[in-house]
Structure formats: C-alpha cells, structure tokens
C-alpha cells in the first residue's frame, strides 16, 4: 500500500512510501535536503517499521525539535497503525 505523510516542522513537505507486511520500500521526500534525503531513502529501503523507528526516531535538525528522518519514523509508525 502506498502511504503519504504530510510532514510537520521540517523543510520537506511530505514523505511517500510503500508499506507491505511492516516492510518499507520506495521512500521519497518532497522538498528538503535532496542529497541527504535520497541517501536516507536508500538506507531504509527494505527495513521494517521497528528498525526505522529505532534508528531514526528522535533525530533532530539544528534548532528544530524534529528532523526529516524523525518525521519518517513517525510516518512509518502511523502507516503501520493505520493498517491494523
């Protein structure tokens, strides 16, 4: 299932990804730091929701209380919960 999450408090505007059996693939960000977010997308491809959340949840960007990576962790958990 394709899922799109509207980010909050970061430069990227949204995150889209596929979720199947709690595995995340095909992550793409709209806006934000292009090179860094392409790298994050490649690194998490094929990971489970729990893996992504344990690695990325709580990462901050400068003075912000979140980051695009943190928003991804929030997004994948929300997607997993919506499938229950």
PDB file of N, CA and C in Angstrom:
ATOM      1  N   UNK A   1       0.842  -1.160   0.000  1.00  0.00           N
ATOM      2  CA  UNK A   1       0.000   0.000   0.000  1.00  0.00           C
ATOM      3  C   UNK A   1       0.900   1.239   0.000  1.00  0.00           C
ATOM      4  N   UNK A   2       0.560   2.202  -0.812  1.00  0.00           N
ATOM      5  CA  UNK A   2       1.281   3.478  -0.857  1.00  0.00           C
ATOM      6  C   UNK A   2       0.727   4.386   0.219  1.00  0.00           C
ATOM      7  N   UNK A   3       1.607   5.045   0.945  1.00  0.00           N
ATOM      8  CA  UNK A   3       1.205   5.916   2.046  1.00  0.00           C
ATOM      9  C   UNK A   3       1.915   7.248   1.879  1.00  0.00           C
ATOM     10  N   UNK A   4       1.207   8.338   2.087  1.00  0.00           N
ATOM     11  CA  UNK A   4       1.795   9.674   2.028  1.00  0.00           C
ATOM     12  C   UNK A   4       1.528  10.388   3.345  1.00  0.00           C
ATOM     13  N   UNK A   5       2.581  10.948   3.897  1.00  0.00           N
ATOM     14  CA  UNK A   5       2.525  11.635   5.185  1.00  0.00           C
ATOM     15  C   UNK A   5       2.920  13.091   4.970  1.00  0.00           C
ATOM     16  N   UNK A   6       2.123  14.008   5.488  1.00  0.00           N
ATOM     17  CA  UNK A   6       2.448  15.430   5.440  1.00  0.00           C
ATOM     18  C   UNK A   6       3.291  15.756   6.659  1.00  0.00           C
ATOM     19  N   UNK A   7       4.513  16.200   6.410  1.00  0.00           N
ATOM     20  CA  UNK A   7       5.457  16.458   7.492  1.00  0.00           C
ATOM     21  C   UNK A   7       5.098  17.718   8.270  1.00  0.00           C
ATOM     22  N   UNK A   8       5.660  17.811   9.465  1.00  0.00           N
ATOM     23  CA  UNK A   8       5.417  18.953  10.340  1.00  0.00           C
ATOM     24  C   UNK A   8       6.746  19.455  10.902  1.00  0.00           C
ATOM     25  N   UNK A   9       7.024  20.759  10.738  1.00  0.00           N
ATOM     26  CA  UNK A   9       8.188  21.377  11.364  1.00  0.00           C
ATOM     27  C   UNK A   9       9.518  21.141  10.688  1.00  0.00           C
ATOM     28  N   UNK A  10       9.503  20.674   9.435  1.00  0.00           N
ATOM     29  CA  UNK A  10      10.750  20.424   8.705  1.00  0.00           C
ATOM     30  C   UNK A  10      10.671  21.024   7.304  1.00  0.00           C
ATOM     31  N   UNK A  11      11.783  20.995   6.601  1.00  0.00           N
ATOM     32  CA  UNK A  11      11.836  21.584   5.256  1.00  0.00           C
ATOM     33  C   UNK A  11      11.078  20.758   4.220  1.00  0.00           C
ATOM     34  N   UNK A  12      11.142  19.426   4.343  1.00  0.00           N
ATOM     35  CA  UNK A  12      10.383  18.610   3.383  1.00  0.00           C
ATOM     36  C   UNK A  12       8.888  18.796   3.652  1.00  0.00           C
ATOM     37  N   UNK A  13       8.105  18.688   2.590  1.00  0.00           N
ATOM     38  CA  UNK A  13       6.661  18.905   2.710  1.00  0.00           C
ATOM     39  C   UNK A  13       5.876  17.613   2.912  1.00  0.00           C
ATOM     40  N   UNK A  14       6.403  16.530   2.356  1.00  0.00           N
ATOM     41  CA  UNK A  14       5.711  15.249   2.517  1.00  0.00           C
ATOM     42  C   UNK A  14       6.678  14.102   2.269  1.00  0.00           C
ATOM     43  N   UNK A  15       6.263  12.922   2.729  1.00  0.00           N
ATOM     44  CA  UNK A  15       7.021  11.687   2.548  1.00  0.00           C
ATOM     45  C   UNK A  15       6.047  10.643   2.033  1.00  0.00           C
ATOM     46  N   UNK A  16       6.437   9.936   0.981  1.00  0.00           N
ATOM     47  CA  UNK A  16       5.623   8.840   0.449  1.00  0.00           C
ATOM     48  C   UNK A  16       6.450   7.566   0.465  1.00  0.00           C
ATOM     49  N   UNK A  17       5.786   6.446   0.686  1.00  0.00           N
ATOM     50  CA  UNK A  17       6.479   5.158   0.710  1.00  0.00           C
ATOM     51  C   UNK A  17       5.453   4.045   0.567  1.00  0.00           C
ATOM     52  N   UNK A  18       5.957   2.858   0.251  1.00  0.00           N
ATOM     53  CA  UNK A  18       5.126   1.662   0.212  1.00  0.00           C
ATOM     54  C   UNK A  18       5.328   0.910   1.520  1.00  0.00           C
ATOM     55  N   UNK A  19       4.252   0.341   2.041  1.00  0.00           N
ATOM     56  CA  UNK A  19       4.329  -0.491   3.240  1.00  0.00           C
ATOM     57  C   UNK A  19       3.589  -1.792   2.971  1.00  0.00           C
ATOM     58  N   UNK A  20       4.303  -2.900   3.135  1.00  0.00           N
ATOM     59  CA  UNK A  20       3.750  -4.243   2.961  1.00  0.00           C
ATOM     60  C   UNK A  20       4.285  -5.125   4.069  1.00  0.00           C
ATOM     61  N   UNK A  21       3.406  -5.701   4.881  1.00  0.00           N
ATOM     62  CA  UNK A  21       3.810  -6.566   5.993  1.00  0.00           C
ATOM     63  C   UNK A  21       4.852  -5.893   6.882  1.00  0.00           C
ATOM     64  N   UNK A  22       4.645  -4.600   7.163  1.00  0.00           N
ATOM     65  CA  UNK A  22       5.510  -3.807   8.030  1.00  0.00           C
ATOM     66  C   UNK A  22       6.901  -3.529   7.442  1.00  0.00           C
ATOM     67  N   UNK A  23       7.092  -3.797   6.159  1.00  0.00           N
ATOM     68  CA  UNK A  23       8.357  -3.512   5.474  1.00  0.00           C
ATOM     69  C   UNK A  23       8.158  -2.284   4.595  1.00  0.00           C
ATOM     70  N   UNK A  24       9.114  -1.356   4.670  1.00  0.00           N
ATOM     71  CA  UNK A  24       9.032  -0.079   3.968  1.00  0.00           C
ATOM     72  C   UNK A  24       9.937  -0.095   2.738  1.00  0.00           C
ATOM     73  N   UNK A  25       9.389   0.330   1.607  1.00  0.00           N
ATOM     74  CA  UNK A  25      10.161   0.442   0.365  1.00  0.00           C
ATOM     75  C   UNK A  25       9.743   1.712  -0.375  1.00  0.00           C
ATOM     76  N   UNK A  26      10.539   2.072  -1.363  1.00  0.00           N
ATOM     77  CA  UNK A  26      10.226   3.172  -2.284  1.00  0.00           C
ATOM     78  C   UNK A  26       9.929   4.493  -1.568  1.00  0.00           C
ATOM     79  N   UNK A  27      10.785   4.870  -0.624  1.00  0.00           N
ATOM     80  CA  UNK A  27      10.609   6.113   0.127  1.00  0.00           C
ATOM     81  C   UNK A  27      11.006   7.291  -0.750  1.00  0.00           C
ATOM     82  N   UNK A  28      10.180   8.324  -0.747  1.00  0.00           N
ATOM     83  CA  UNK A  28      10.530   9.564  -1.451  1.00  0.00           C
ATOM     84  C   UNK A  28      10.020  10.758  -0.660  1.00  0.00           C
ATOM     85  N   UNK A  29      10.848  11.788  -0.625  1.00  0.00           N
ATOM     86  CA  UNK A  29      10.527  13.029   0.071  1.00  0.00           C
ATOM     87  C   UNK A  29      10.239  14.108  -0.964  1.00  0.00           C
ATOM     88  N   UNK A  30       9.341  15.028  -0.640  1.00  0.00           N
ATOM     89  CA  UNK A  30       9.093  16.211  -1.461  1.00  0.00           C
ATOM     90  C   UNK A  30       9.662  17.389  -0.683  1.00  0.00           C
ATOM     91  N   UNK A  31      10.656  18.048  -1.260  1.00  0.00           N
ATOM     92  CA  UNK A  31      11.327  19.157  -0.590  1.00  0.00           C
ATOM     93  C   UNK A  31      12.412  18.639   0.338  1.00  0.00           C
ATOM     94  N   UNK A  32      13.049  19.561   1.049  1.00  0.00           N
ATOM     95  CA  UNK A  32      14.106  19.190   1.981  1.00  0.00           C
ATOM     96  C   UNK A  32      15.462  19.110   1.315  1.00  0.00           C
ATOM     97  N   UNK A  33      16.428  18.577   2.025  1.00  0.00           N
ATOM     98  CA  UNK A  33      17.820  18.452   1.555  1.00  0.00           C
ATOM     99  C   UNK A  33      17.924  17.257   0.615  1.00  0.00           C
ATOM    100  N   UNK A  34      17.891  17.519  -0.666  1.00  0.00           N
ATOM    101  CA  UNK A  34      17.749  16.481  -1.691  1.00  0.00           C
ATOM    102  C   UNK A  34      18.736  15.329  -1.528  1.00  0.00           C
ATOM    103  N   UNK A  35      20.015  15.626  -1.461  1.00  0.00           N
ATOM    104  CA  UNK A  35      21.019  14.564  -1.384  1.00  0.00           C
ATOM    105  C   UNK A  35      20.901  13.728  -0.125  1.00  0.00           C
ATOM    106  N   UNK A  36      20.739  14.384   1.001  1.00  0.00           N
ATOM    107  CA  UNK A  36      20.611  13.664   2.268  1.00  0.00           C
ATOM    108  C   UNK A  36      19.374  12.793   2.294  1.00  0.00           C
ATOM    109  N   UNK A  37      18.266  13.312   1.794  1.00  0.00           N
ATOM    110  CA  UNK A  37      17.022  12.548   1.853  1.00  0.00           C
ATOM    111  C   UNK A  37      17.012  11.400   0.846  1.00  0.00           C
ATOM    112  N   UNK A  38      17.709  11.559  -0.272  1.00  0.00           N
ATOM    113  CA  UNK A  38      17.861  10.423  -1.195  1.00  0.00           C
ATOM    114  C   UNK A  38      18.668   9.318  -0.523  1.00  0.00           C
ATOM    115  N   UNK A  39      19.695   9.705   0.241  1.00  0.00           N
ATOM    116  CA  UNK A  39      20.511   8.719   0.955  1.00  0.00           C
ATOM    117  C   UNK A  39      19.694   8.016   2.029  1.00  0.00           C
ATOM    118  N   UNK A  40      18.941   8.767   2.816  1.00  0.00           N
ATOM    119  CA  UNK A  40      18.088   8.168   3.846  1.00  0.00           C
ATOM    120  C   UNK A  40      17.125   7.172   3.197  1.00  0.00           C
ATOM    121  N   UNK A  41      16.530   7.567   2.083  1.00  0.00           N
ATOM    122  CA  UNK A  41      15.581   6.693   1.382  1.00  0.00           C
ATOM    123  C   UNK A  41      16.224   5.373   0.983  1.00  0.00           C
ATOM    124  N   UNK A  42      17.440   5.431   0.475  1.00  0.00           N
ATOM    125  CA  UNK A  42      18.148   4.209   0.079  1.00  0.00           C
ATOM    126  C   UNK A  42      18.508   3.351   1.285  1.00  0.00           C
ATOM    127  N   UNK A  43      18.929   4.005   2.363  1.00  0.00           N
ATOM    128  CA  UNK A  43      19.368   3.267   3.543  1.00  0.00           C
ATOM    129  C   UNK A  43      18.232   2.522   4.235  1.00  0.00           C
ATOM    130  N   UNK A  44      17.042   3.079   4.231  1.00  0.00           N
ATOM    131  CA  UNK A  44      15.919   2.428   4.928  1.00  0.00           C
ATOM    132  C   UNK A  44      15.137   1.469   4.042  1.00  0.00           C
ATOM    133  N   UNK A  45      15.420   1.444   2.759  1.00  0.00           N
ATOM    134  CA  UNK A  45      14.676   0.585   1.840  1.00  0.00           C
ATOM    135  C   UNK A  45      14.767  -0.878   2.274  1.00  0.00           C
ATOM    136  N   UNK A  46      13.629  -1.506   2.494  1.00  0.00           N
ATOM    137  CA  UNK A  46      13.580  -2.906   2.899  1.00  0.00           C
ATOM    138  C   UNK A  46      13.590  -3.121   4.403  1.00  0.00           C
ATOM    139  N   UNK A  47      13.704  -2.041   5.184  1.00  0.00           N
ATOM    140  CA  UNK A  47      13.680  -2.160   6.641  1.00  0.00           C
ATOM    141  C   UNK A  47      12.241  -2.251   7.143  1.00  0.00           C
ATOM    142  N   UNK A  48      12.114  -2.800   8.337  1.00  0.00           N
ATOM    143  CA  UNK A  48      10.800  -2.852   8.973  1.00  0.00           C
ATOM    144  C   UNK A  48      10.515  -1.519   9.656  1.00  0.00           C
ATOM    145  N   UNK A  49       9.264  -1.339  10.007  1.00  0.00           N
ATOM    146  CA  UNK A  49       8.848  -0.144  10.746  1.00  0.00           C
ATOM    147  C   UNK A  49       9.635  -0.039  12.046  1.00  0.00           C
ATOM    148  N   UNK A  50       9.770  -1.137  12.775  1.00  0.00           N
ATOM    149  CA  UNK A  50      10.500  -1.121  14.049  1.00  0.00           C
ATOM    150  C   UNK A  50      11.961  -0.731  13.861  1.00  0.00           C
ATOM    151  N   UNK A  51      12.600  -1.248  12.828  1.00  0.00           N
ATOM    152  CA  UNK A  51      14.001  -0.906  12.571  1.00  0.00           C
ATOM    153  C   UNK A  51      14.164   0.584  12.287  1.00  0.00           C
ATOM    154  N   UNK A  52      13.319   1.103  11.411  1.00  0.00           N
ATOM    155  CA  UNK A  52      13.393   2.520  11.051  1.00  0.00           C
ATOM    156  C   UNK A  52      13.139   3.383  12.276  1.00  0.00           C
ATOM    157  N   UNK A  53      12.135   3.034  13.032  1.00  0.00           N
ATOM    158  CA  UNK A  53      11.793   3.819  14.208  1.00  0.00           C
ATOM    159  C   UNK A  53      12.925   3.795  15.240  1.00  0.00           C
ATOM    160  N   UNK A  54      13.543   2.650  15.448  1.00  0.00           N
ATOM    161  CA  UNK A  54      14.605   2.558  16.455  1.00  0.00           C
ATOM    162  C   UNK A  54      15.849   3.352  16.058  1.00  0.00           C
ATOM    163  N   UNK A  55      16.099   3.488  14.771  1.00  0.00           N
ATOM    164  CA  UNK A  55      17.282   4.211  14.307  1.00  0.00           C
ATOM    165  C   UNK A  55      17.022   5.707  14.178  1.00  0.00           C
ATOM    166  N   UNK A  56      15.877   6.095  13.649  1.00  0.00           N
ATOM    167  CA  UNK A  56      15.651   7.491  13.267  1.00  0.00           C
ATOM    168  C   UNK A  56      14.812   8.311  14.237  1.00  0.00           C
ATOM    169  N   UNK A  57      14.010   7.670  15.060  1.00  0.00           N
ATOM    170  CA  UNK A  57      13.131   8.407  15.969  1.00  0.00           C
ATOM    171  C   UNK A  57      13.967   9.250  16.935  1.00  0.00           C
ATOM    172  N   UNK A  58      13.633  10.530  17.030  1.00  0.00           N
ATOM    173  CA  UNK A  58      14.316  11.430  17.954  1.00  0.00           C
ATOM    174  C   UNK A  58      15.497  12.183  17.375  1.00  0.00           C
ATOM    175  N   UNK A  59      15.862  11.894  16.134  1.00  0.00           N
ATOM    176  CA  UNK A  59      16.932  12.661  15.486  1.00  0.00           C
ATOM    177  C   UNK A  59      16.442  14.082  15.263  1.00  0.00           C
ATOM    178  N   UNK A  60      17.288  15.047  15.571  1.00  0.00           N
ATOM    179  CA  UNK A  60      16.906  16.453  15.443  1.00  0.00           C
ATOM    180  C   UNK A  60      17.709  17.129  14.343  1.00  0.00           C
ATOM    181  N   UNK A  61      17.178  18.222  13.833  1.00  0.00           N
ATOM    182  CA  UNK A  61      17.833  19.009  12.790  1.00  0.00           C
ATOM    183  C   UNK A  61      18.061  20.415  13.333  1.00  0.00           C
ATOM    184  N   UNK A  62      19.306  20.727  13.631  1.00  0.00           N
ATOM    185  CA  UNK A  62      19.634  22.053  14.131  1.00  0.00           C
ATOM    186  C   UNK A  62      18.822  22.421  15.360  1.00  0.00           C
ATOM    187  N   UNK A  63      18.179  23.547  15.309  1.00  0.00           N
ATOM    188  CA  UNK A  63      17.380  24.062  16.430  1.00  0.00           C
ATOM    189  C   UNK A  63      15.966  23.489  16.467  1.00  0.00           C
ATOM    190  N   UNK A  64      15.583  22.708  15.464  1.00  0.00           N
ATOM    191  CA  UNK A  64      14.219  22.171  15.391  1.00  0.00           C
ATOM    192  C   UNK A  64      14.056  21.006  16.363  1.00  0.00           C
ATOM    193  N   UNK A  65      12.846  20.761  16.803  1.00  0.00           N
ATOM    194  CA  UNK A  65      12.597  19.640  17.714  1.00  0.00           C
ATOM    195  C   UNK A  65      12.253  18.352  16.964  1.00  0.00           C
ATOM    196  N   UNK A  66      12.557  18.312  15.668  1.00  0.00           N
ATOM    197  CA  UNK A  66      12.335  17.141  14.825  1.00  0.00           C
ATOM    198  C   UNK A  66      13.317  17.230  13.659  1.00  0.00           C
ATOM    199  N   UNK A  67      13.228  16.310  12.742  1.00  0.00           N
ATOM    200  CA  UNK A  67      14.022  16.316  11.506  1.00  0.00           C
ATOM    201  C   UNK A  67      13.256  15.534  10.466  1.00  0.00           C
ATOM    202  N   UNK A  68      13.725  15.560   9.237  1.00  0.00           N
ATOM    203  CA  UNK A  68      13.066  14.765   8.199  1.00  0.00           C
ATOM    204  C   UNK A  68      13.159  13.271   8.526  1.00  0.00           C
ATOM    205  N   UNK A  69      14.291  12.840   9.084  1.00  0.00           N
ATOM    206  CA  UNK A  69      14.443  11.438   9.473  1.00  0.00           C
ATOM    207  C   UNK A  69      13.469  11.076  10.595  1.00  0.00           C
ATOM    208  N   UNK A  70      13.339  11.960  11.580  1.00  0.00           N
ATOM    209  CA  UNK A  70      12.384  11.757  12.669  1.00  0.00           C
ATOM    210  C   UNK A  70      10.963  11.708  12.125  1.00  0.00           C
ATOM    211  N   UNK A  71      10.652  12.578  11.189  1.00  0.00           N
ATOM    212  CA  UNK A  71       9.324  12.586  10.569  1.00  0.00           C
ATOM    213  C   UNK A  71       9.062  11.282   9.823  1.00  0.00           C
ATOM    214  N   UNK A  72      10.097  10.726   9.202  1.00  0.00           N
ATOM    215  CA  UNK A  72       9.941   9.428   8.536  1.00  0.00           C
ATOM    216  C   UNK A  72       9.597   8.351   9.560  1.00  0.00           C
ATOM    217  N   UNK A  73      10.278   8.353  10.688  1.00  0.00           N
ATOM    218  CA  UNK A  73       9.989   7.370  11.734  1.00  0.00           C
ATOM    219  C   UNK A  73       8.543   7.494  12.208  1.00  0.00           C
ATOM    220  N   UNK A  74       8.089   8.724  12.385  1.00  0.00           N
ATOM    221  CA  UNK A  74       6.700   8.963  12.791  1.00  0.00           C
ATOM    222  C   UNK A  74       5.741   8.479  11.708  1.00  0.00           C
ATOM    223  N   UNK A  75       6.077   8.763  10.456  1.00  0.00           N
ATOM    224  CA  UNK A  75       5.215   8.401   9.331  1.00  0.00           C
ATOM    225  C   UNK A  75       5.058   6.895   9.186  1.00  0.00           C
ATOM    226  N   UNK A  76       6.160   6.154   9.288  1.00  0.00           N
ATOM    227  CA  UNK A  76       6.054   4.703   9.098  1.00  0.00           C
ATOM    228  C   UNK A  76       5.262   4.063  10.234  1.00  0.00           C
ATOM    229  N   UNK A  77       5.406   4.593  11.457  1.00  0.00           N
ATOM    230  CA  UNK A  77       4.617   4.063  12.577  1.00  0.00           C
ATOM    231  C   UNK A  77       3.130   4.357  12.364  1.00  0.00           C
ATOM    232  N   UNK A  78       2.829   5.582  11.919  1.00  0.00           N
ATOM    233  CA  UNK A  78       1.431   5.938  11.652  1.00  0.00           C
ATOM    234  C   UNK A  78       0.838   5.042  10.574  1.00  0.00           C
ATOM    235  N   UNK A  79       1.598   4.772   9.537  1.00  0.00           N
ATOM    236  CA  UNK A  79       1.132   3.902   8.449  1.00  0.00           C
ATOM    237  C   UNK A  79       0.878   2.489   8.970  1.00  0.00           C
ATOM    238  N   UNK A  80       1.791   1.984   9.788  1.00  0.00           N
ATOM    239  CA  UNK A  80       1.620   0.640  10.331  1.00  0.00           C
ATOM    240  C   UNK A  80       0.378   0.555  11.219  1.00  0.00           C
ATOM    241  N   UNK A  81       0.163   1.572  12.025  1.00  0.00           N
ATOM    242  CA  UNK A  81      -1.003   1.586  12.908  1.00  0.00           C
ATOM    243  C   UNK A  81      -2.306   1.683  12.102  1.00  0.00           C
ATOM    244  N   UNK A  82      -2.266   2.408  10.995  1.00  0.00           N
ATOM    245  CA  UNK A  82      -3.481   2.556  10.180  1.00  0.00           C
ATOM    246  C   UNK A  82      -3.859   1.254   9.472  1.00  0.00           C
ATOM    247  N   UNK A  83      -2.917   0.344   9.351  1.00  0.00           N
ATOM    248  CA  UNK A  83      -3.195  -0.933   8.705  1.00  0.00           C
ATOM    249  C   UNK A  83      -3.782  -1.976   9.653  1.00  0.00           C
ATOM    250  N   UNK A  84      -3.753  -1.682  10.933  1.00  0.00           N
ATOM    251  CA  UNK A  84      -4.270  -2.662  11.922  1.00  0.00           C
ATOM    252  C   UNK A  84      -5.779  -2.676  11.929  1.00  0.00           C
TER     253      UNK A  84
END
